[in-house]
C-alpha cells in the first residue's frame, strides 16, 4: 500500500508480504506511470528502454517490473526467516549500475529447485522492458540474475 507522501513501493522480496488490499490497482497505476514516463522522456526509443529515473533507482524499477509481470516476491518476517518463495531484488555484488535478482523461499521450501525456471521467467519479463539480464551460478551453486541497463546508443 501507499505510505502517505511516499507513493507506491514495489515489493523487493525483503520484508513482509505486501498487503493485498487495493494493491493490484496501485500496482497497475504505478506500472502504467512507468511506461508513460518512458514514452515521454525516451524520445524515439519510447517505452522500450529504461527511463533515466529507473537507472537512478534500479532496484525499485526492477522490482516494479517483476511485480507488474505477476511474478511473486519473496517475503520474510522482520529479522526472521523467509515466509514466501519468490524473487528478491538487491544491489549487485559486481558494482554500481546493476542489480541482482535471486529466487528465495522458506528453508526446505524448494526454491533452489525452481530457481532456474523462475529466474528465466524474470529475465524474460525484464528483457521485454529493455533491461539486459545475465544468468549466473554463484556461491553454493545457487543461480542469480544480474540486471543492467542496455548499452548507451
C-alpha atoms as a PDB file:
ATOM      1  CA  UNK A   1       0.000   0.000   0.000  1.00  0.00           C
ATOM      2  CA  UNK A   2       0.966   3.614  -0.312  1.00  0.00           C
ATOM      3  CA  UNK A   3       2.629   5.363   2.563  1.00  0.00           C
ATOM      4  CA  UNK A   4       1.308   8.945   2.652  1.00  0.00           C
ATOM      5  CA  UNK A   5       3.725  11.196   0.784  1.00  0.00           C
ATOM      6  CA  UNK A   6       5.842   8.249  -0.400  1.00  0.00           C
ATOM      7  CA  UNK A   7       3.915   6.797  -3.335  1.00  0.00           C
ATOM      8  CA  UNK A   8       3.740   3.160  -4.338  1.00  0.00           C
ATOM      9  CA  UNK A   9       6.560   0.969  -3.072  1.00  0.00           C
ATOM     10  CA  UNK A  10       7.109  -2.195  -5.129  1.00  0.00           C
ATOM     11  CA  UNK A  11       7.901  -5.404  -3.258  1.00  0.00           C
ATOM     12  CA  UNK A  12      11.651  -6.111  -3.257  1.00  0.00           C
ATOM     13  CA  UNK A  13      11.359  -9.540  -1.652  1.00  0.00           C
ATOM     14  CA  UNK A  14      12.786  -8.351   1.671  1.00  0.00           C
ATOM     15  CA  UNK A  15      10.225  -7.714   4.339  1.00  0.00           C
ATOM     16  CA  UNK A  16       6.654  -8.804   4.929  1.00  0.00           C
ATOM     17  CA  UNK A  17       4.362  -9.915   2.126  1.00  0.00           C
ATOM     18  CA  UNK A  18       2.593  -6.906   0.602  1.00  0.00           C
ATOM     19  CA  UNK A  19      -0.980  -6.327   1.707  1.00  0.00           C
ATOM     20  CA  UNK A  20      -3.418  -7.422  -0.984  1.00  0.00           C
ATOM     21  CA  UNK A  21      -5.995  -4.742  -0.154  1.00  0.00           C
ATOM     22  CA  UNK A  22      -6.012  -2.350  -3.114  1.00  0.00           C
ATOM     23  CA  UNK A  23      -2.511  -3.356  -4.196  1.00  0.00           C
ATOM     24  CA  UNK A  24      -3.482  -4.575  -7.686  1.00  0.00           C
ATOM     25  CA  UNK A  25      -4.930  -1.173  -8.609  1.00  0.00           C
ATOM     26  CA  UNK A  26      -1.923   0.685  -7.140  1.00  0.00           C
ATOM     27  CA  UNK A  27       0.474  -1.631  -8.961  1.00  0.00           C
ATOM     28  CA  UNK A  28      -1.334  -1.126 -12.270  1.00  0.00           C
ATOM     29  CA  UNK A  29      -1.244   2.658 -11.822  1.00  0.00           C
ATOM     30  CA  UNK A  30       2.469   2.653 -10.923  1.00  0.00           C
ATOM     31  CA  UNK A  31       3.362   0.426 -13.881  1.00  0.00           C
ATOM     32  CA  UNK A  32       1.306   2.485 -16.333  1.00  0.00           C
ATOM     33  CA  UNK A  33       3.061   5.572 -14.954  1.00  0.00           C
ATOM     34  CA  UNK A  34       6.454   3.948 -15.584  1.00  0.00           C
ATOM     35  CA  UNK A  35       5.519   3.254 -19.208  1.00  0.00           C
ATOM     36  CA  UNK A  36       4.142   6.780 -19.689  1.00  0.00           C
ATOM     37  CA  UNK A  37       7.317   8.342 -18.296  1.00  0.00           C
ATOM     38  CA  UNK A  38       9.356   6.191 -20.672  1.00  0.00           C
ATOM     39  CA  UNK A  39       7.307   7.343 -23.651  1.00  0.00           C
ATOM     40  CA  UNK A  40       7.659  10.993 -22.654  1.00  0.00           C
ATOM     41  CA  UNK A  41      11.391  11.121 -21.890  1.00  0.00           C
ATOM     42  CA  UNK A  42      12.961   8.470 -24.115  1.00  0.00           C
ATOM     43  CA  UNK A  43      12.238  10.025 -27.490  1.00  0.00           C
ATOM     44  CA  UNK A  44      12.252   7.510 -30.349  1.00  0.00           C
ATOM     45  CA  UNK A  45      13.117   4.603 -28.015  1.00  0.00           C
ATOM     46  CA  UNK A  46       9.833   5.165 -26.168  1.00  0.00           C
ATOM     47  CA  UNK A  47       8.752   2.524 -23.670  1.00  0.00           C
ATOM     48  CA  UNK A  48      11.340   0.025 -24.952  1.00  0.00           C
ATOM     49  CA  UNK A  49      14.206   1.175 -22.707  1.00  0.00           C
ATOM     50  CA  UNK A  50      14.509   2.304 -19.087  1.00  0.00           C
ATOM     51  CA  UNK A  51      13.968   5.977 -18.307  1.00  0.00           C
ATOM     52  CA  UNK A  52      16.683   7.991 -16.522  1.00  0.00           C
ATOM     53  CA  UNK A  53      14.881   7.757 -13.150  1.00  0.00           C
ATOM     54  CA  UNK A  54      14.903   3.944 -13.458  1.00  0.00           C
ATOM     55  CA  UNK A  55      18.679   3.990 -13.824  1.00  0.00           C
ATOM     56  CA  UNK A  56      18.993   6.038 -10.622  1.00  0.00           C
ATOM     57  CA  UNK A  57      16.567   3.772  -8.727  1.00  0.00           C
ATOM     58  CA  UNK A  58      17.293   0.428 -10.369  1.00  0.00           C
ATOM     59  CA  UNK A  59      16.237  -1.909  -7.535  1.00  0.00           C
ATOM     60  CA  UNK A  60      12.881  -0.161  -7.299  1.00  0.00           C
ATOM     61  CA  UNK A  61      12.349  -0.109 -11.088  1.00  0.00           C
ATOM     62  CA  UNK A  62      13.269  -3.780 -11.483  1.00  0.00           C
ATOM     63  CA  UNK A  63      11.030  -4.800  -8.565  1.00  0.00           C
ATOM     64  CA  UNK A  64       8.136  -2.837 -10.091  1.00  0.00           C
ATOM     65  CA  UNK A  65       8.627  -4.563 -13.449  1.00  0.00           C
ATOM     66  CA  UNK A  66       8.714  -8.021 -11.858  1.00  0.00           C
ATOM     67  CA  UNK A  67       5.698  -7.429  -9.639  1.00  0.00           C
ATOM     68  CA  UNK A  68       3.726  -5.975 -12.573  1.00  0.00           C
ATOM     69  CA  UNK A  69       4.594  -9.107 -14.604  1.00  0.00           C
ATOM     70  CA  UNK A  70       2.786 -11.168 -11.974  1.00  0.00           C
ATOM     71  CA  UNK A  71       5.922 -12.771 -10.567  1.00  0.00           C
ATOM     72  CA  UNK A  72       5.585 -13.225  -6.795  1.00  0.00           C
ATOM     73  CA  UNK A  73       8.039 -11.524  -4.457  1.00  0.00           C
ATOM     74  CA  UNK A  74       9.665 -13.419  -1.627  1.00  0.00           C
ATOM     75  CA  UNK A  75       8.780 -12.301   1.892  1.00  0.00           C
ATOM     76  CA  UNK A  76      10.216 -12.627   5.357  1.00  0.00           C
ATOM     77  CA  UNK A  77       9.276 -11.724   8.885  1.00  0.00           C
ATOM     78  CA  UNK A  78      11.285  -8.794  10.277  1.00  0.00           C
ATOM     79  CA  UNK A  79      14.588 -10.267  11.404  1.00  0.00           C
ATOM     80  CA  UNK A  80      13.246 -13.760  10.832  1.00  0.00           C
ATOM     81  CA  UNK A  81      13.096 -16.482   8.219  1.00  0.00           C
ATOM     82  CA  UNK A  82      11.581 -16.256   4.741  1.00  0.00           C
ATOM     83  CA  UNK A  83       7.854 -16.911   4.729  1.00  0.00           C
ATOM     84  CA  UNK A  84       7.152 -16.945   0.995  1.00  0.00           C
ATOM     85  CA  UNK A  85       9.002 -18.068  -2.117  1.00  0.00           C
ATOM     86  CA  UNK A  86       9.663 -15.511  -4.844  1.00  0.00           C
ATOM     87  CA  UNK A  87      12.080 -13.002  -6.290  1.00  0.00           C
ATOM     88  CA  UNK A  88      14.351 -10.786  -4.246  1.00  0.00           C
ATOM     89  CA  UNK A  89      15.890  -7.657  -5.792  1.00  0.00           C
ATOM     90  CA  UNK A  90      19.026  -6.182  -4.263  1.00  0.00           C
ATOM     91  CA  UNK A  91      22.268  -4.448  -5.090  1.00  0.00           C
ATOM     92  CA  UNK A  92      24.653  -6.482  -7.222  1.00  0.00           C
ATOM     93  CA  UNK A  93      27.943  -7.607  -5.717  1.00  0.00           C
ATOM     94  CA  UNK A  94      29.632  -6.711  -9.011  1.00  0.00           C
ATOM     95  CA  UNK A  95      29.169  -2.993  -8.517  1.00  0.00           C
ATOM     96  CA  UNK A  96      27.058   0.051  -9.231  1.00  0.00           C
ATOM     97  CA  UNK A  97      24.756   0.259 -12.204  1.00  0.00           C
ATOM     98  CA  UNK A  98      23.497  -3.293 -11.728  1.00  0.00           C
ATOM     99  CA  UNK A  99      21.056  -5.139  -9.532  1.00  0.00           C
ATOM    100  CA  UNK A 100      20.807  -8.785  -8.619  1.00  0.00           C
ATOM    101  CA  UNK A 101      17.629 -10.861  -8.707  1.00  0.00           C
ATOM    102  CA  UNK A 102      17.588 -14.079  -6.705  1.00  0.00           C
ATOM    103  CA  UNK A 103      14.860 -16.675  -6.109  1.00  0.00           C
ATOM    104  CA  UNK A 104      14.425 -17.338  -2.391  1.00  0.00           C
ATOM    105  CA  UNK A 105      11.982 -19.060  -0.102  1.00  0.00           C
ATOM    106  CA  UNK A 106      11.481 -20.653   3.301  1.00  0.00           C
ATOM    107  CA  UNK A 107      14.016 -23.298   4.339  1.00  0.00           C
ATOM    108  CA  UNK A 108      13.090 -26.621   2.742  1.00  0.00           C
ATOM    109  CA  UNK A 109      10.511 -24.929   0.515  1.00  0.00           C
ATOM    110  CA  UNK A 110      12.072 -25.955  -2.805  1.00  0.00           C
ATOM    111  CA  UNK A 111      13.197 -22.526  -4.031  1.00  0.00           C
ATOM    112  CA  UNK A 112      16.581 -23.891  -5.135  1.00  0.00           C
ATOM    113  CA  UNK A 113      14.947 -26.484  -7.400  1.00  0.00           C
ATOM    114  CA  UNK A 114      12.799 -23.959  -9.213  1.00  0.00           C
ATOM    115  CA  UNK A 115      15.240 -21.045  -9.383  1.00  0.00           C
ATOM    116  CA  UNK A 116      16.496 -21.599 -12.944  1.00  0.00           C
ATOM    117  CA  UNK A 117      12.986 -21.687 -14.439  1.00  0.00           C
ATOM    118  CA  UNK A 118      11.754 -18.822 -12.291  1.00  0.00           C
ATOM    119  CA  UNK A 119      14.792 -16.619 -12.928  1.00  0.00           C
ATOM    120  CA  UNK A 120      14.466 -17.313 -16.657  1.00  0.00           C
ATOM    121  CA  UNK A 121      10.872 -16.027 -16.414  1.00  0.00           C
ATOM    122  CA  UNK A 122      12.131 -12.957 -14.521  1.00  0.00           C
ATOM    123  CA  UNK A 123      14.705 -12.311 -17.257  1.00  0.00           C
ATOM    124  CA  UNK A 124      12.062 -12.593 -19.974  1.00  0.00           C
ATOM    125  CA  UNK A 125       9.832 -10.038 -18.200  1.00  0.00           C
ATOM    126  CA  UNK A 126      12.728  -7.611 -17.733  1.00  0.00           C
ATOM    127  CA  UNK A 127      14.165  -8.012 -21.231  1.00  0.00           C
ATOM    128  CA  UNK A 128      10.769  -7.092 -22.722  1.00  0.00           C
ATOM    129  CA  UNK A 129      11.256  -3.751 -20.976  1.00  0.00           C
ATOM    130  CA  UNK A 130      14.777  -3.199 -22.309  1.00  0.00           C
ATOM    131  CA  UNK A 131      16.853  -4.463 -19.379  1.00  0.00           C
ATOM    132  CA  UNK A 132      19.890  -6.686 -20.053  1.00  0.00           C
ATOM    133  CA  UNK A 133      19.879  -9.857 -17.926  1.00  0.00           C
ATOM    134  CA  UNK A 134      22.624 -12.410 -17.401  1.00  0.00           C
ATOM    135  CA  UNK A 135      22.025 -15.656 -15.500  1.00  0.00           C
ATOM    136  CA  UNK A 136      24.938 -16.740 -13.288  1.00  0.00           C
ATOM    137  CA  UNK A 137      25.680 -19.525 -10.852  1.00  0.00           C
ATOM    138  CA  UNK A 138      27.086 -18.159  -7.611  1.00  0.00           C
ATOM    139  CA  UNK A 139      28.193 -19.479  -4.250  1.00  0.00           C
ATOM    140  CA  UNK A 140      26.769 -22.861  -3.266  1.00  0.00           C
ATOM    141  CA  UNK A 141      25.798 -23.296  -6.927  1.00  0.00           C
ATOM    142  CA  UNK A 142      22.747 -21.014  -6.492  1.00  0.00           C
ATOM    143  CA  UNK A 143      21.708 -19.096  -9.592  1.00  0.00           C
ATOM    144  CA  UNK A 144      21.042 -15.360  -9.791  1.00  0.00           C
ATOM    145  CA  UNK A 145      20.297 -12.768 -12.432  1.00  0.00           C
ATOM    146  CA  UNK A 146      22.446  -9.730 -12.898  1.00  0.00           C
ATOM    147  CA  UNK A 147      20.357  -6.926 -14.407  1.00  0.00           C
ATOM    148  CA  UNK A 148      21.802  -3.833 -16.029  1.00  0.00           C
ATOM    149  CA  UNK A 149      20.613  -1.105 -18.397  1.00  0.00           C
ATOM    150  CA  UNK A 150      21.133  -1.529 -22.141  1.00  0.00           C
ATOM    151  CA  UNK A 151      24.330  -0.071 -23.598  1.00  0.00           C
ATOM    152  CA  UNK A 152      24.084   3.593 -24.490  1.00  0.00           C
ATOM    153  CA  UNK A 153      23.456   4.186 -28.201  1.00  0.00           C
END
